[in-house]
């Protein structure tokens, strides 16, 4: 039972990290896009 619970926690945590990483990547890309457009405006 403990082993199963541990696997579920690892899977859940891994999923959360993956989701957060995707969000971080999207935000990073948006920030870069803003910087590029700001540079073009200048």
Protein backbone atom coordinates (compact mmCIF):
# COMPACT_ATOMS: atom_id res chain seq x y z
CA UNK A 1 0.00 0.00 0.00
CA UNK A 2 2.80 2.42 0.91
CA UNK A 3 4.57 1.65 -2.35
CA UNK A 4 1.41 2.34 -4.36
CA UNK A 5 0.78 5.62 -2.54
CA UNK A 6 4.38 6.64 -3.14
CA UNK A 7 4.06 5.93 -6.87
CA UNK A 8 0.86 7.98 -7.02
CA UNK A 9 2.56 10.90 -5.25
CA UNK A 10 5.53 10.72 -7.62
CA UNK A 11 3.23 10.57 -10.63
CA UNK A 12 1.15 13.48 -9.37
CA UNK A 13 4.22 15.55 -8.49
CA UNK A 14 5.78 14.80 -11.85
CA UNK A 15 2.58 15.89 -13.57
CA UNK A 16 2.50 19.13 -11.58
CA UNK A 17 6.15 19.86 -12.43
CA UNK A 18 5.44 19.18 -16.11
CA UNK A 19 2.42 21.50 -16.11
CA UNK A 20 4.38 24.23 -14.32
CA UNK A 21 7.29 23.79 -16.74
CA UNK A 22 4.92 24.22 -19.69
CA UNK A 23 3.49 27.39 -18.14
CA UNK A 24 6.98 28.73 -17.48
CA UNK A 25 7.96 28.03 -21.09
CA UNK A 26 4.83 29.78 -22.42
CA UNK A 27 5.44 32.81 -20.18
CA UNK A 28 9.10 32.90 -21.24
CA UNK A 29 8.10 32.81 -24.91
CA UNK A 30 5.55 35.59 -24.40
CA UNK A 31 8.15 37.75 -22.63
CA UNK A 32 10.63 37.17 -25.45
CA UNK A 33 7.96 38.05 -28.01
CA UNK A 34 7.22 41.29 -26.12
CA UNK A 35 10.91 42.18 -26.10
CA UNK A 36 11.22 41.48 -29.82
CA UNK A 37 8.18 43.62 -30.68
CA UNK A 38 9.49 46.40 -28.42
CA UNK A 39 12.81 46.26 -30.25
CA UNK A 40 11.04 46.43 -33.62
CA UNK A 41 9.01 49.44 -32.49
CA UNK A 42 12.21 51.31 -31.67
